[in-house]
Amino acid sequence: MKAHYLICLALLPLGAEAIEPGPSSPYQAETENWLALQVNGLAASPTPQKTTPAEREQALQRWLDSNKHPIPEFFESESGGKSGGGKSQ
């Protein structure tokens, strides 16, 4: 009985099929191209973008203020898909 299991375990890797390298679809290929542009900086702007101290302070304050709201344990399904900016129906 043990020999049967050992033979099955020994032959198991032969049944595995290798995954082809590279993108599986044209969409994935395009996404990988865009990500590569970000990594190597080929599409970077020649003009550096700088923030003023006031802008940095405002962004930091927004980030600190975001911690004042508790994270809910779960979201109610009734509120999904509704926009808060328009009139209620």
Protein backbone atom coordinates (compact mmCIF):
# COMPACT_ATOMS: atom_id res chain seq x y z
CA MET A 1 0.00 0.00 0.00
CA LYS A 2 2.81 2.41 0.88
CA ALA A 3 4.57 1.62 -2.38
CA HIS A 4 1.46 2.70 -4.29
CA TYR A 5 1.49 6.11 -2.56
CA LEU A 6 5.21 6.52 -3.13
CA ILE A 7 4.82 5.83 -6.84
CA CYS A 8 1.95 8.32 -7.09
CA LEU A 9 3.98 10.97 -5.26
CA ALA A 10 7.00 10.32 -7.48
CA LEU A 11 4.93 10.70 -10.66
CA LEU A 12 3.00 13.78 -9.46
CA PRO A 13 5.47 16.40 -10.79
CA LEU A 14 5.28 14.84 -14.26
CA GLY A 15 1.60 15.74 -14.45
CA ALA A 16 2.18 19.41 -13.66
CA GLU A 17 2.15 21.72 -16.64
CA ALA A 18 4.35 24.81 -16.78
CA ILE A 19 2.68 28.20 -17.17
CA GLU A 20 3.79 30.11 -20.22
CA PRO A 21 5.75 33.24 -19.28
CA GLY A 22 4.49 36.62 -20.40
CA PRO A 23 1.09 38.29 -20.58
CA SER A 24 -1.98 36.12 -21.01
CA SER A 25 -3.94 38.74 -22.96
CA PRO A 26 -3.36 41.93 -24.98
CA TYR A 27 -4.88 43.93 -22.10
CA GLN A 28 -2.39 42.49 -19.65
CA ALA A 29 0.46 43.22 -22.08
CA GLU A 30 -0.64 46.87 -22.35
CA THR A 31 -0.90 47.15 -18.56
CA GLU A 32 2.59 45.71 -18.16
CA ASN A 33 3.90 48.23 -20.72
CA TRP A 34 2.41 51.15 -18.78
CA LEU A 35 3.81 49.84 -15.50
CA ALA A 36 7.25 49.47 -17.10
CA LEU A 37 7.10 53.12 -18.22
CA GLN A 38 6.43 54.14 -14.63
CA VAL A 39 9.28 52.04 -13.26
CA ASN A 40 12.00 53.14 -15.67
CA GLY A 41 10.84 56.78 -15.90
CA LEU A 42 10.75 56.96 -19.70
CA ALA A 43 7.41 58.81 -19.65
CA ALA A 44 8.34 61.12 -16.77
CA SER A 45 7.79 64.83 -17.19
CA PRO A 46 10.98 66.91 -17.63
CA THR A 47 9.39 69.57 -15.41
CA PRO A 48 9.65 68.68 -11.72
CA GLN A 49 6.40 69.13 -9.82
CA LYS A 50 6.95 70.88 -6.51
CA THR A 51 4.54 71.63 -3.70
CA THR A 52 4.66 74.68 -1.53
CA PRO A 53 5.04 74.33 2.24
CA ALA A 54 1.41 75.48 2.60
CA GLU A 55 0.22 72.71 0.24
CA ARG A 56 2.24 70.10 2.13
CA GLU A 57 0.82 71.30 5.44
CA GLN A 58 -2.73 71.18 4.07
CA ALA A 59 -2.25 67.65 2.72
CA LEU A 60 -0.79 66.49 6.04
CA GLN A 61 -3.71 68.03 7.93
CA ARG A 62 -6.22 66.29 5.63
CA TRP A 63 -4.45 62.98 6.30
CA LEU A 64 -4.46 63.56 10.07
CA ASP A 65 -8.14 64.55 10.00
CA SER A 66 -9.02 61.33 8.15
CA ASN A 67 -8.09 59.40 11.31
CA LYS A 68 -10.89 61.10 13.25
CA HIS A 69 -13.53 58.95 11.56
CA PRO A 70 -13.87 55.37 12.85
CA ILE A 71 -13.61 52.55 10.33
CA PRO A 72 -16.94 50.68 10.30
CA GLU A 73 -16.87 46.95 10.99
CA PHE A 74 -18.97 46.42 7.83
CA PHE A 75 -20.87 48.48 5.30
CA GLU A 76 -24.64 48.23 5.00
CA SER A 77 -25.77 46.77 1.70
CA GLU A 78 -28.71 49.20 1.44
CA SER A 79 -26.36 52.15 0.97
CA GLY A 80 -24.42 50.54 -1.90
CA GLY A 81 -24.65 52.16 -5.29
CA LYS A 82 -26.29 55.36 -4.10
CA SER A 83 -24.70 58.72 -4.71
CA GLY A 84 -24.63 61.20 -1.84
CA GLY A 85 -24.58 64.29 -4.02
CA GLY A 86 -27.96 64.07 -5.73
CA LYS A 87 -31.60 64.18 -4.73
CA SER A 88 -33.02 61.09 -3.09
CA GLN A 89 -35.61 59.25 -5.15
